[in-house]
Amino acid sequence: MPDTTEPAERIQIAPQHRELLDQVLDKWSLQVLEELCEQPLRFNELRRAIPVVTQKSLTATLRRLERNGMVDRVITSSRPIAVEYRISQVGRTIQDLIDALFDWSAENMPDVERARARFDDEG
């Protein structure tokens, strides 16, 4: 009997999807999102949580994440006025994906390192 199932339609990655993925999956964005999924943080608390990020890079990352709706910037009414960053509702929807990427990288890192060593030895 012939197979009558049609192949699943292939997802096309449009330029706007590529741009979003580039902005959300870069090295600082992943770390910022991971930190903010745990709890809201002020700018300097984020800097301490990710000590290798520069002030300029963290500022740019937070602005990009806010623009893409992943992070909310909240001005507190305390004295002195403070700014706190929180994971947004949209940002929370990618928490499981980020955790899966971190788990995948930890699980597969030994294989990746072996592949890199083989490639470098051949080159």
PDB file of N, CA and C in Angstrom:
ATOM      1  N   MET A   1       0.846  -1.173   0.000  1.00  0.00           N
ATOM      2  CA  MET A   1       0.000   0.000   0.000  1.00  0.00           C
ATOM      3  C   MET A   1       0.895   1.241   0.000  1.00  0.00           C
ATOM      4  N   PRO A   2       0.653   2.184  -0.914  1.00  0.00           N
ATOM      5  CA  PRO A   2       1.518   3.366  -0.997  1.00  0.00           C
ATOM      6  C   PRO A   2       1.342   4.274   0.218  1.00  0.00           C
ATOM      7  N   ASP A   3       2.439   4.940   0.555  1.00  0.00           N
ATOM      8  CA  ASP A   3       2.415   5.890   1.673  1.00  0.00           C
ATOM      9  C   ASP A   3       1.678   7.149   1.240  1.00  0.00           C
ATOM     10  N   THR A   4       0.598   7.470   1.942  1.00  0.00           N
ATOM     11  CA  THR A   4      -0.211   8.634   1.566  1.00  0.00           C
ATOM     12  C   THR A   4       0.042   9.835   2.461  1.00  0.00           C
ATOM     13  N   THR A   5       0.958   9.689   3.415  1.00  0.00           N
ATOM     14  CA  THR A   5       1.243  10.837   4.277  1.00  0.00           C
ATOM     15  C   THR A   5       2.134  11.816   3.530  1.00  0.00           C
ATOM     16  N   GLU A   6       1.842  13.064   3.716  1.00  0.00           N
ATOM     17  CA  GLU A   6       2.650  14.108   3.076  1.00  0.00           C
ATOM     18  C   GLU A   6       3.778  14.502   4.017  1.00  0.00           C
ATOM     19  N   PRO A   7       4.935  14.821   3.466  1.00  0.00           N
ATOM     20  CA  PRO A   7       6.040  15.236   4.342  1.00  0.00           C
ATOM     21  C   PRO A   7       5.681  16.530   5.064  1.00  0.00           C
ATOM     22  N   ALA A   8       6.179  16.646   6.286  1.00  0.00           N
ATOM     23  CA  ALA A   8       5.932  17.860   7.065  1.00  0.00           C
ATOM     24  C   ALA A   8       6.533  19.053   6.341  1.00  0.00           C
ATOM     25  N   GLU A   9       5.815  20.151   6.388  1.00  0.00           N
ATOM     26  CA  GLU A   9       6.308  21.363   5.731  1.00  0.00           C
ATOM     27  C   GLU A   9       7.542  21.863   6.467  1.00  0.00           C
ATOM     28  N   ARG A  10       8.576  22.147   5.728  1.00  0.00           N
ATOM     29  CA  ARG A  10       9.847  22.603   6.301  1.00  0.00           C
ATOM     30  C   ARG A  10       9.718  24.060   6.732  1.00  0.00           C
ATOM     31  N   ILE A  11      10.172  24.340   7.935  1.00  0.00           N
ATOM     32  CA  ILE A  11      10.131  25.698   8.456  1.00  0.00           C
ATOM     33  C   ILE A  11      11.217  26.520   7.776  1.00  0.00           C
ATOM     34  N   GLN A  12      10.834  27.652   7.261  1.00  0.00           N
ATOM     35  CA  GLN A  12      11.785  28.563   6.631  1.00  0.00           C
ATOM     36  C   GLN A  12      12.197  29.621   7.652  1.00  0.00           C
ATOM     37  N   ILE A  13      13.477  29.819   7.775  1.00  0.00           N
ATOM     38  CA  ILE A  13      13.963  30.842   8.694  1.00  0.00           C
ATOM     39  C   ILE A  13      14.095  32.138   7.910  1.00  0.00           C
ATOM     40  N   ALA A  14      13.149  33.034   8.162  1.00  0.00           N
ATOM     41  CA  ALA A  14      13.129  34.329   7.487  1.00  0.00           C
ATOM     42  C   ALA A  14      14.150  35.255   8.149  1.00  0.00           C
ATOM     43  N   PRO A  15      14.531  36.326   7.463  1.00  0.00           N
ATOM     44  CA  PRO A  15      15.513  37.253   8.042  1.00  0.00           C
ATOM     45  C   PRO A  15      15.126  37.768   9.436  1.00  0.00           C
ATOM     46  N   GLN A  16      13.841  38.040   9.658  1.00  0.00           N
ATOM     47  CA  GLN A  16      13.439  38.544  10.975  1.00  0.00           C
ATOM     48  C   GLN A  16      13.584  37.462  12.055  1.00  0.00           C
ATOM     49  N   HIS A  17      13.410  36.181  11.673  1.00  0.00           N
ATOM     50  CA  HIS A  17      13.629  35.101  12.639  1.00  0.00           C
ATOM     51  C   HIS A  17      15.115  34.983  12.977  1.00  0.00           C
ATOM     52  N   ARG A  18      15.942  35.052  11.939  1.00  0.00           N
ATOM     53  CA  ARG A  18      17.392  34.962  12.142  1.00  0.00           C
ATOM     54  C   ARG A  18      17.881  36.105  13.036  1.00  0.00           C
ATOM     55  N   GLU A  19      17.367  37.308  12.785  1.00  0.00           N
ATOM     56  CA  GLU A  19      17.759  38.456  13.605  1.00  0.00           C
ATOM     57  C   GLU A  19      17.366  38.251  15.067  1.00  0.00           C
ATOM     58  N   LEU A  20      16.138  37.790  15.297  1.00  0.00           N
ATOM     59  CA  LEU A  20      15.682  37.554  16.675  1.00  0.00           C
ATOM     60  C   LEU A  20      16.537  36.483  17.345  1.00  0.00           C
ATOM     61  N   LEU A  21      16.768  35.376  16.658  1.00  0.00           N
ATOM     62  CA  LEU A  21      17.568  34.302  17.237  1.00  0.00           C
ATOM     63  C   LEU A  21      18.991  34.771  17.524  1.00  0.00           C
ATOM     64  N   ASP A  22      19.573  35.530  16.610  1.00  0.00           N
ATOM     65  CA  ASP A  22      20.917  36.078  16.842  1.00  0.00           C
ATOM     66  C   ASP A  22      20.946  36.941  18.101  1.00  0.00           C
ATOM     67  N   GLN A  23      19.904  37.727  18.307  1.00  0.00           N
ATOM     68  CA  GLN A  23      19.874  38.653  19.436  1.00  0.00           C
ATOM     69  C   GLN A  23      19.539  37.970  20.754  1.00  0.00           C
ATOM     70  N   VAL A  24      18.768  36.908  20.707  1.00  0.00           N
ATOM     71  CA  VAL A  24      18.359  36.234  21.942  1.00  0.00           C
ATOM     72  C   VAL A  24      19.339  35.134  22.342  1.00  0.00           C
ATOM     73  N   LEU A  25      20.050  34.577  21.383  1.00  0.00           N
ATOM     74  CA  LEU A  25      20.932  33.448  21.666  1.00  0.00           C
ATOM     75  C   LEU A  25      22.407  33.818  21.721  1.00  0.00           C
ATOM     76  N   ASP A  26      22.732  35.103  21.722  1.00  0.00           N
ATOM     77  CA  ASP A  26      24.157  35.443  21.822  1.00  0.00           C
ATOM     78  C   ASP A  26      24.649  35.168  23.244  1.00  0.00           C
ATOM     79  N   LYS A  27      25.954  35.209  23.442  1.00  0.00           N
ATOM     80  CA  LYS A  27      26.510  34.751  24.716  1.00  0.00           C
ATOM     81  C   LYS A  27      26.025  35.554  25.920  1.00  0.00           C
ATOM     82  N   TRP A  28      25.897  36.852  25.800  1.00  0.00           N
ATOM     83  CA  TRP A  28      25.470  37.637  26.959  1.00  0.00           C
ATOM     84  C   TRP A  28      23.974  37.520  27.176  1.00  0.00           C
ATOM     85  N   SER A  29      23.196  37.481  26.128  1.00  0.00           N
ATOM     86  CA  SER A  29      21.746  37.382  26.283  1.00  0.00           C
ATOM     87  C   SER A  29      21.356  36.111  27.014  1.00  0.00           C
ATOM     88  N   LEU A  30      21.962  34.994  26.644  1.00  0.00           N
ATOM     89  CA  LEU A  30      21.652  33.737  27.318  1.00  0.00           C
ATOM     90  C   LEU A  30      21.936  33.822  28.813  1.00  0.00           C
ATOM     91  N   GLN A  31      23.065  34.404  29.163  1.00  0.00           N
ATOM     92  CA  GLN A  31      23.422  34.501  30.580  1.00  0.00           C
ATOM     93  C   GLN A  31      22.507  35.470  31.324  1.00  0.00           C
ATOM     94  N   VAL A  32      22.179  36.591  30.689  1.00  0.00           N
ATOM     95  CA  VAL A  32      21.273  37.561  31.323  1.00  0.00           C
ATOM     96  C   VAL A  32      19.897  36.934  31.529  1.00  0.00           C
ATOM     97  N   LEU A  33      19.382  36.273  30.505  1.00  0.00           N
ATOM     98  CA  LEU A  33      18.066  35.635  30.629  1.00  0.00           C
ATOM     99  C   LEU A  33      18.087  34.563  31.713  1.00  0.00           C
ATOM    100  N   GLU A  34      19.149  33.791  31.766  1.00  0.00           N
ATOM    101  CA  GLU A  34      19.259  32.758  32.796  1.00  0.00           C
ATOM    102  C   GLU A  34      19.217  33.383  34.191  1.00  0.00           C
ATOM    103  N   GLU A  35      19.946  34.471  34.391  1.00  0.00           N
ATOM    104  CA  GLU A  35      19.949  35.150  35.696  1.00  0.00           C
ATOM    105  C   GLU A  35      18.574  35.732  36.029  1.00  0.00           C
ATOM    106  N   LEU A  36      17.952  36.377  35.054  1.00  0.00           N
ATOM    107  CA  LEU A  36      16.666  37.032  35.307  1.00  0.00           C
ATOM    108  C   LEU A  36      15.521  36.034  35.447  1.00  0.00           C
ATOM    109  N   CYS A  37      15.688  34.831  34.924  1.00  0.00           N
ATOM    110  CA  CYS A  37      14.670  33.791  35.145  1.00  0.00           C
ATOM    111  C   CYS A  37      14.637  33.397  36.628  1.00  0.00           C
ATOM    112  N   GLU A  38      15.766  33.576  37.310  1.00  0.00           N
ATOM    113  CA  GLU A  38      15.834  33.240  38.735  1.00  0.00           C
ATOM    114  C   GLU A  38      15.168  34.305  39.601  1.00  0.00           C
ATOM    115  N   GLN A  39      15.436  35.573  39.264  1.00  0.00           N
ATOM    116  CA  GLN A  39      14.895  36.673  40.070  1.00  0.00           C
ATOM    117  C   GLN A  39      15.169  38.004  39.380  1.00  0.00           C
ATOM    118  N   PRO A  40      14.361  39.023  39.675  1.00  0.00           N
ATOM    119  CA  PRO A  40      14.645  40.361  39.140  1.00  0.00           C
ATOM    120  C   PRO A  40      15.956  40.881  39.732  1.00  0.00           C
ATOM    121  N   LEU A  41      16.696  41.631  38.928  1.00  0.00           N
ATOM    122  CA  LEU A  41      17.981  42.161  39.383  1.00  0.00           C
ATOM    123  C   LEU A  41      18.193  43.577  38.886  1.00  0.00           C
ATOM    124  N   ARG A  42      18.929  44.339  39.667  1.00  0.00           N
ATOM    125  CA  ARG A  42      19.353  45.663  39.224  1.00  0.00           C
ATOM    126  C   ARG A  42      20.611  45.485  38.375  1.00  0.00           C
ATOM    127  N   PHE A  43      20.965  46.553  37.662  1.00  0.00           N
ATOM    128  CA  PHE A  43      22.083  46.509  36.728  1.00  0.00           C
ATOM    129  C   PHE A  43      23.358  45.994  37.391  1.00  0.00           C
ATOM    130  N   ASN A  44      23.741  46.583  38.520  1.00  0.00           N
ATOM    131  CA  ASN A  44      24.990  46.187  39.174  1.00  0.00           C
ATOM    132  C   ASN A  44      24.921  44.774  39.730  1.00  0.00           C
ATOM    133  N   GLU A  45      23.735  44.313  40.101  1.00  0.00           N
ATOM    134  CA  GLU A  45      23.594  42.927  40.541  1.00  0.00           C
ATOM    135  C   GLU A  45      23.843  41.976  39.367  1.00  0.00           C
ATOM    136  N   LEU A  46      23.362  42.365  38.182  1.00  0.00           N
ATOM    137  CA  LEU A  46      23.638  41.569  36.982  1.00  0.00           C
ATOM    138  C   LEU A  46      25.127  41.558  36.673  1.00  0.00           C
ATOM    139  N   ARG A  47      25.770  42.711  36.815  1.00  0.00           N
ATOM    140  CA  ARG A  47      27.225  42.775  36.564  1.00  0.00           C
ATOM    141  C   ARG A  47      27.987  41.853  37.496  1.00  0.00           C
ATOM    142  N   ARG A  48      27.555  41.813  38.764  1.00  0.00           N
ATOM    143  CA  ARG A  48      28.227  40.915  39.711  1.00  0.00           C
ATOM    144  C   ARG A  48      27.931  39.442  39.385  1.00  0.00           C
ATOM    145  N   ALA A  49      26.718  39.169  38.907  1.00  0.00           N
ATOM    146  CA  ALA A  49      26.352  37.793  38.569  1.00  0.00           C
ATOM    147  C   ALA A  49      27.087  37.296  37.325  1.00  0.00           C
ATOM    148  N   ILE A  50      27.424  38.238  36.429  1.00  0.00           N
ATOM    149  CA  ILE A  50      28.145  37.908  35.189  1.00  0.00           C
ATOM    150  C   ILE A  50      29.390  38.796  35.141  1.00  0.00           C
ATOM    151  N   PRO A  51      30.389  38.492  35.949  1.00  0.00           N
ATOM    152  CA  PRO A  51      31.522  39.419  36.112  1.00  0.00           C
ATOM    153  C   PRO A  51      32.355  39.661  34.863  1.00  0.00           C
ATOM    154  N   VAL A  52      32.315  38.784  33.876  1.00  0.00           N
ATOM    155  CA  VAL A  52      33.150  38.969  32.693  1.00  0.00           C
ATOM    156  C   VAL A  52      32.524  39.905  31.660  1.00  0.00           C
ATOM    157  N   VAL A  53      31.257  40.262  31.828  1.00  0.00           N
ATOM    158  CA  VAL A  53      30.606  41.159  30.872  1.00  0.00           C
ATOM    159  C   VAL A  53      30.995  42.606  31.184  1.00  0.00           C
ATOM    160  N   THR A  54      31.254  43.382  30.144  1.00  0.00           N
ATOM    161  CA  THR A  54      31.567  44.793  30.360  1.00  0.00           C
ATOM    162  C   THR A  54      30.271  45.575  30.552  1.00  0.00           C
ATOM    163  N   GLN A  55      30.395  46.749  31.119  1.00  0.00           N
ATOM    164  CA  GLN A  55      29.234  47.611  31.323  1.00  0.00           C
ATOM    165  C   GLN A  55      28.567  47.929  29.981  1.00  0.00           C
ATOM    166  N   LYS A  56      29.379  48.227  28.986  1.00  0.00           N
ATOM    167  CA  LYS A  56      28.859  48.561  27.659  1.00  0.00           C
ATOM    168  C   LYS A  56      28.096  47.388  27.049  1.00  0.00           C
ATOM    169  N   SER A  57      28.661  46.189  27.136  1.00  0.00           N
ATOM    170  CA  SER A  57      28.008  45.006  26.579  1.00  0.00           C
ATOM    171  C   SER A  57      26.725  44.663  27.325  1.00  0.00           C
ATOM    172  N   LEU A  58      26.744  44.797  28.646  1.00  0.00           N
ATOM    173  CA  LEU A  58      25.539  44.507  29.425  1.00  0.00           C
ATOM    174  C   LEU A  58      24.432  45.499  29.100  1.00  0.00           C
ATOM    175  N   THR A  59      24.788  46.782  28.976  1.00  0.00           N
ATOM    176  CA  THR A  59      23.806  47.795  28.613  1.00  0.00           C
ATOM    177  C   THR A  59      23.187  47.487  27.256  1.00  0.00           C
ATOM    178  N   ALA A  60      24.022  47.176  26.283  1.00  0.00           N
ATOM    179  CA  ALA A  60      23.525  46.866  24.935  1.00  0.00           C
ATOM    180  C   ALA A  60      22.653  45.610  24.947  1.00  0.00           C
ATOM    181  N   THR A  61      23.059  44.613  25.707  1.00  0.00           N
ATOM    182  CA  THR A  61      22.294  43.366  25.792  1.00  0.00           C
ATOM    183  C   THR A  61      20.926  43.611  26.409  1.00  0.00           C
ATOM    184  N   LEU A  62      20.893  44.349  27.515  1.00  0.00           N
ATOM    185  CA  LEU A  62      19.613  44.632  28.171  1.00  0.00           C
ATOM    186  C   LEU A  62      18.689  45.436  27.259  1.00  0.00           C
ATOM    187  N   ARG A  63      19.236  46.391  26.541  1.00  0.00           N
ATOM    188  CA  ARG A  63      18.415  47.189  25.615  1.00  0.00           C
ATOM    189  C   ARG A  63      17.842  46.310  24.495  1.00  0.00           C
ATOM    190  N   ARG A  64      18.672  45.421  23.964  1.00  0.00           N
ATOM    191  CA  ARG A  64      18.225  44.504  22.909  1.00  0.00           C
ATOM    192  C   ARG A  64      17.129  43.571  23.422  1.00  0.00           C
ATOM    193  N   LEU A  65      17.336  43.014  24.616  1.00  0.00           N
ATOM    194  CA  LEU A  65      16.348  42.104  25.192  1.00  0.00           C
ATOM    195  C   LEU A  65      15.043  42.834  25.513  1.00  0.00           C
ATOM    196  N   GLU A  66      15.162  44.062  25.985  1.00  0.00           N
ATOM    197  CA  GLU A  66      13.959  44.859  26.264  1.00  0.00           C
ATOM    198  C   GLU A  66      13.228  45.168  24.961  1.00  0.00           C
ATOM    199  N   ARG A  67      13.950  45.545  23.937  1.00  0.00           N
ATOM    200  CA  ARG A  67      13.348  45.855  22.636  1.00  0.00           C
ATOM    201  C   ARG A  67      12.620  44.651  22.057  1.00  0.00           C
ATOM    202  N   ASN A  68      13.168  43.460  22.267  1.00  0.00           N
ATOM    203  CA  ASN A  68      12.558  42.238  21.762  1.00  0.00           C
ATOM    204  C   ASN A  68      11.486  41.661  22.691  1.00  0.00           C
ATOM    205  N   GLY A  69      11.202  42.353  23.788  1.00  0.00           N
ATOM    206  CA  GLY A  69      10.127  41.917  24.676  1.00  0.00           C
ATOM    207  C   GLY A  69      10.492  40.798  25.616  1.00  0.00           C
ATOM    208  N   MET A  70      11.780  40.505  25.763  1.00  0.00           N
ATOM    209  CA  MET A  70      12.216  39.412  26.634  1.00  0.00           C
ATOM    210  C   MET A  70      12.405  39.861  28.084  1.00  0.00           C
ATOM    211  N   VAL A  71      12.696  41.142  28.249  1.00  0.00           N
ATOM    212  CA  VAL A  71      13.007  41.698  29.565  1.00  0.00           C
ATOM    213  C   VAL A  71      12.174  42.952  29.768  1.00  0.00           C
ATOM    214  N   ASP A  72      11.699  43.135  30.990  1.00  0.00           N
ATOM    215  CA  ASP A  72      11.009  44.368  31.366  1.00  0.00           C
ATOM    216  C   ASP A  72      11.944  45.203  32.229  1.00  0.00           C
ATOM    217  N   ARG A  73      11.979  46.479  31.946  1.00  0.00           N
ATOM    218  CA  ARG A  73      12.759  47.438  32.735  1.00  0.00           C
ATOM    219  C   ARG A  73      11.762  48.148  33.634  1.00  0.00           C
ATOM    220  N   VAL A  74      11.927  48.014  34.949  1.00  0.00           N
ATOM    221  CA  VAL A  74      10.962  48.541  35.911  1.00  0.00           C
ATOM    222  C   VAL A  74      11.657  49.570  36.791  1.00  0.00           C
ATOM    223  N   ILE A  75      11.080  50.753  36.846  1.00  0.00           N
ATOM    224  CA  ILE A  75      11.611  51.800  37.721  1.00  0.00           C
ATOM    225  C   ILE A  75      10.886  51.698  39.048  1.00  0.00           C
ATOM    226  N   THR A  76      11.653  51.480  40.115  1.00  0.00           N
ATOM    227  CA  THR A  76      11.048  51.341  41.437  1.00  0.00           C
ATOM    228  C   THR A  76      10.856  52.723  42.050  1.00  0.00           C
ATOM    229  N   SER A  77       9.865  52.812  42.892  1.00  0.00           N
ATOM    230  CA  SER A  77       9.548  54.117  43.484  1.00  0.00           C
ATOM    231  C   SER A  77      10.253  54.328  44.816  1.00  0.00           C
ATOM    232  N   SER A  78      11.251  53.537  45.083  1.00  0.00           N
ATOM    233  CA  SER A  78      11.998  53.698  46.331  1.00  0.00           C
ATOM    234  C   SER A  78      12.903  54.917  46.243  1.00  0.00           C
ATOM    235  N   ARG A  79      13.444  55.309  47.347  1.00  0.00           N
ATOM    236  CA  ARG A  79      14.409  56.400  47.390  1.00  0.00           C
ATOM    237  C   ARG A  79      15.773  55.817  47.653  1.00  0.00           C
ATOM    238  N   PRO A  80      16.788  56.020  46.886  1.00  0.00           N
ATOM    239  CA  PRO A  80      16.720  56.677  45.584  1.00  0.00           C
ATOM    240  C   PRO A  80      16.015  55.775  44.565  1.00  0.00           C
ATOM    241  N   ILE A  81      15.554  56.394  43.514  1.00  0.00           N
ATOM    242  CA  ILE A  81      14.874  55.652  42.455  1.00  0.00           C
ATOM    243  C   ILE A  81      15.855  54.650  41.855  1.00  0.00           C
ATOM    244  N   ALA A  82      15.377  53.451  41.614  1.00  0.00           N
ATOM    245  CA  ALA A  82      16.239  52.401  41.075  1.00  0.00           C
ATOM    246  C   ALA A  82      15.559  51.760  39.873  1.00  0.00           C
ATOM    247  N   VAL A  83      16.382  51.154  39.037  1.00  0.00           N
ATOM    248  CA  VAL A  83      15.883  50.427  37.874  1.00  0.00           C
ATOM    249  C   VAL A  83      16.165  48.947  38.107  1.00  0.00           C
ATOM    250  N   GLU A  84      15.132  48.166  37.891  1.00  0.00           N
ATOM    251  CA  GLU A  84      15.249  46.725  38.059  1.00  0.00           C
ATOM    252  C   GLU A  84      14.872  46.050  36.746  1.00  0.00           C
ATOM    253  N   TYR A  85      15.561  44.986  36.412  1.00  0.00           N
ATOM    254  CA  TYR A  85      15.268  44.228  35.198  1.00  0.00           C
ATOM    255  C   TYR A  85      14.618  42.910  35.589  1.00  0.00           C
ATOM    256  N   ARG A  86      13.548  42.581  34.877  1.00  0.00           N
ATOM    257  CA  ARG A  86      12.794  41.359  35.156  1.00  0.00           C
ATOM    258  C   ARG A  86      12.561  40.614  33.857  1.00  0.00           C
ATOM    259  N   ILE A  87      12.487  39.306  33.968  1.00  0.00           N
ATOM    260  CA  ILE A  87      12.125  38.509  32.801  1.00  0.00           C
ATOM    261  C   ILE A  87      10.661  38.831  32.489  1.00  0.00           C
ATOM    262  N   SER A  88      10.366  39.037  31.237  1.00  0.00           N
ATOM    263  CA  SER A  88       8.988  39.345  30.847  1.00  0.00           C
ATOM    264  C   SER A  88       8.198  38.054  30.666  1.00  0.00           C
ATOM    265  N   GLN A  89       6.929  38.200  30.407  1.00  0.00           N
ATOM    266  CA  GLN A  89       6.097  37.031  30.152  1.00  0.00           C
ATOM    267  C   GLN A  89       6.602  36.279  28.910  1.00  0.00           C
ATOM    268  N   VAL A  90       6.950  37.019  27.869  1.00  0.00           N
ATOM    269  CA  VAL A  90       7.491  36.384  26.653  1.00  0.00           C
ATOM    270  C   VAL A  90       8.845  35.749  26.957  1.00  0.00           C
ATOM    271  N   GLY A  91       9.685  36.444  27.704  1.00  0.00           N
ATOM    272  CA  GLY A  91      10.989  35.904  28.059  1.00  0.00           C
ATOM    273  C   GLY A  91      10.883  34.622  28.865  1.00  0.00           C
ATOM    274  N   ARG A  92       9.883  34.534  29.717  1.00  0.00           N
ATOM    275  CA  ARG A  92       9.700  33.333  30.535  1.00  0.00           C
ATOM    276  C   ARG A  92       9.401  32.109  29.661  1.00  0.00           C
ATOM    277  N   THR A  93       8.788  32.336  28.486  1.00  0.00           N
ATOM    278  CA  THR A  93       8.434  31.204  27.619  1.00  0.00           C
ATOM    279  C   THR A  93       9.659  30.513  27.028  1.00  0.00           C
ATOM    280  N   ILE A  94      10.829  31.161  27.058  1.00  0.00           N
ATOM    281  CA  ILE A  94      12.025  30.504  26.516  1.00  0.00           C
ATOM    282  C   ILE A  94      12.927  29.925  27.600  1.00  0.00           C
ATOM    283  N   GLN A  95      12.490  30.001  28.851  1.00  0.00           N
ATOM    284  CA  GLN A  95      13.304  29.489  29.947  1.00  0.00           C
ATOM    285  C   GLN A  95      13.616  28.002  29.777  1.00  0.00           C
ATOM    286  N   ASP A  96      12.622  27.203  29.428  1.00  0.00           N
ATOM    287  CA  ASP A  96      12.857  25.772  29.244  1.00  0.00           C
ATOM    288  C   ASP A  96      13.822  25.509  28.088  1.00  0.00           C
ATOM    289  N   LEU A  97      13.731  26.334  27.041  1.00  0.00           N
ATOM    290  CA  LEU A  97      14.633  26.176  25.903  1.00  0.00           C
ATOM    291  C   LEU A  97      16.071  26.511  26.285  1.00  0.00           C
ATOM    292  N   ILE A  98      16.237  27.569  27.059  1.00  0.00           N
ATOM    293  CA  ILE A  98      17.577  27.953  27.516  1.00  0.00           C
ATOM    294  C   ILE A  98      18.158  26.855  28.400  1.00  0.00           C
ATOM    295  N   ASP A  99      17.343  26.349  29.327  1.00  0.00           N
ATOM    296  CA  ASP A  99      17.804  25.259  30.191  1.00  0.00           C
ATOM    297  C   ASP A  99      18.194  24.043  29.351  1.00  0.00           C
ATOM    298  N   ALA A 100      17.390  23.744  28.312  1.00  0.00           N
ATOM    299  CA  ALA A 100      17.691  22.607  27.445  1.00  0.00           C
ATOM    300  C   ALA A 100      19.013  22.818  26.704  1.00  0.00           C
ATOM    301  N   LEU A 101      19.269  24.052  26.234  1.00  0.00           N
ATOM    302  CA  LEU A 101      20.536  24.338  25.561  1.00  0.00           C
ATOM    303  C   LEU A 101      21.723  24.175  26.509  1.00  0.00           C
ATOM    304  N   PHE A 102      21.582  24.679  27.733  1.00  0.00           N
ATOM    305  CA  PHE A 102      22.666  24.523  28.705  1.00  0.00           C
ATOM    306  C   PHE A 102      22.896  23.046  29.024  1.00  0.00           C
ATOM    307  N   ASP A 103      21.811  22.290  29.212  1.00  0.00           N
ATOM    308  CA  ASP A 103      21.937  20.860  29.495  1.00  0.00           C
ATOM    309  C   ASP A 103      22.588  20.131  28.322  1.00  0.00           C
ATOM    310  N   TRP A 104      22.141  20.462  27.101  1.00  0.00           N
ATOM    311  CA  TRP A 104      22.710  19.832  25.909  1.00  0.00           C
ATOM    312  C   TRP A 104      24.203  20.113  25.810  1.00  0.00           C
ATOM    313  N   SER A 105      24.588  21.381  26.040  1.00  0.00           N
ATOM    314  CA  SER A 105      26.006  21.724  25.904  1.00  0.00           C
ATOM    315  C   SER A 105      26.839  21.024  26.968  1.00  0.00           C
ATOM    316  N   ALA A 106      26.330  20.916  28.187  1.00  0.00           N
ATOM    317  CA  ALA A 106      27.077  20.223  29.238  1.00  0.00           C
ATOM    318  C   ALA A 106      27.213  18.733  28.916  1.00  0.00           C
ATOM    319  N   GLU A 107      26.145  18.138  28.422  1.00  0.00           N
ATOM    320  CA  GLU A 107      26.157  16.706  28.113  1.00  0.00           C
ATOM    321  C   GLU A 107      27.061  16.381  26.927  1.00  0.00           C
ATOM    322  N   ASN A 108      27.099  17.251  25.939  1.00  0.00           N
ATOM    323  CA  ASN A 108      27.821  16.960  24.705  1.00  0.00           C
ATOM    324  C   ASN A 108      29.206  17.583  24.615  1.00  0.00           C
ATOM    325  N   MET A 109      29.589  18.364  25.601  1.00  0.00           N
ATOM    326  CA  MET A 109      30.878  19.045  25.539  1.00  0.00           C
ATOM    327  C   MET A 109      32.061  18.093  25.378  1.00  0.00           C
ATOM    328  N   PRO A 110      32.095  16.950  26.066  1.00  0.00           N
ATOM    329  CA  PRO A 110      33.230  16.039  25.846  1.00  0.00           C
ATOM    330  C   PRO A 110      33.352  15.594  24.384  1.00  0.00           C
ATOM    331  N   ASP A 111      32.224  15.284  23.729  1.00  0.00           N
ATOM    332  CA  ASP A 111      32.266  14.892  22.320  1.00  0.00           C
ATOM    333  C   ASP A 111      32.723  16.044  21.443  1.00  0.00           C
ATOM    334  N   VAL A 112      32.277  17.235  21.754  1.00  0.00           N
ATOM    335  CA  VAL A 112      32.670  18.414  20.983  1.00  0.00           C
ATOM    336  C   VAL A 112      34.169  18.656  21.129  1.00  0.00           C
ATOM    337  N   GLU A 113      34.670  18.545  22.347  1.00  0.00           N
ATOM    338  CA  GLU A 113      36.103  18.753  22.569  1.00  0.00           C
ATOM    339  C   GLU A 113      36.938  17.717  21.820  1.00  0.00           C
ATOM    340  N   ARG A 114      36.488  16.457  21.803  1.00  0.00           N
ATOM    341  CA  ARG A 114      37.209  15.422  21.049  1.00  0.00           C
ATOM    342  C   ARG A 114      37.194  15.739  19.547  1.00  0.00           C
ATOM    343  N   ALA A 115      36.046  16.170  19.026  1.00  0.00           N
ATOM    344  CA  ALA A 115      35.942  16.518  17.608  1.00  0.00           C
ATOM    345  C   ALA A 115      36.848  17.692  17.269  1.00  0.00           C
ATOM    346  N   ARG A 116      36.889  18.672  18.127  1.00  0.00           N
ATOM    347  CA  ARG A 116      37.768  19.826  17.911  1.00  0.00           C
ATOM    348  C   ARG A 116      39.221  19.411  17.890  1.00  0.00           C
ATOM    349  N   ALA A 117      39.605  18.548  18.841  1.00  0.00           N
ATOM    350  CA  ALA A 117      41.002  18.095  18.911  1.00  0.00           C
ATOM    351  C   ALA A 117      41.373  17.318  17.642  1.00  0.00           C
ATOM    352  N   ARG A 118      40.458  16.434  17.182  1.00  0.00           N
ATOM    353  CA  ARG A 118      40.729  15.682  15.937  1.00  0.00           C
ATOM    354  C   ARG A 118      40.882  16.625  14.755  1.00  0.00           C
ATOM    355  N   PHE A 119      40.001  17.602  14.659  1.00  0.00           N
ATOM    356  CA  PHE A 119      40.053  18.568  13.552  1.00  0.00           C
ATOM    357  C   PHE A 119      41.352  19.360  13.590  1.00  0.00           C
ATOM    358  N   ASP A 120      41.718  19.851  14.791  1.00  0.00           N
ATOM    359  CA  ASP A 120      42.943  20.643  14.927  1.00  0.00           C
ATOM    360  C   ASP A 120      44.191  19.810  14.622  1.00  0.00           C
ATOM    361  N   ASP A 121      44.186  18.535  15.013  1.00  0.00           N
ATOM    362  CA  ASP A 121      45.327  17.664  14.729  1.00  0.00           C
ATOM    363  C   ASP A 121      45.497  17.398  13.237  1.00  0.00           C
ATOM    364  N   GLU A 122      44.380  17.340  12.512  1.00  0.00           N
ATOM    365  CA  GLU A 122      44.427  17.090  11.066  1.00  0.00           C
ATOM    366  C   GLU A 122      44.809  18.341  10.277  1.00  0.00           C
ATOM    367  N   GLY A 123      44.540  19.508  10.853  1.00  0.00           N
ATOM    368  CA  GLY A 123      44.748  20.772  10.141  1.00  0.00           C
ATOM    369  C   GLY A 123      46.126  21.253  10.204  1.00  0.00           C
TER     370      GLY A 123
END
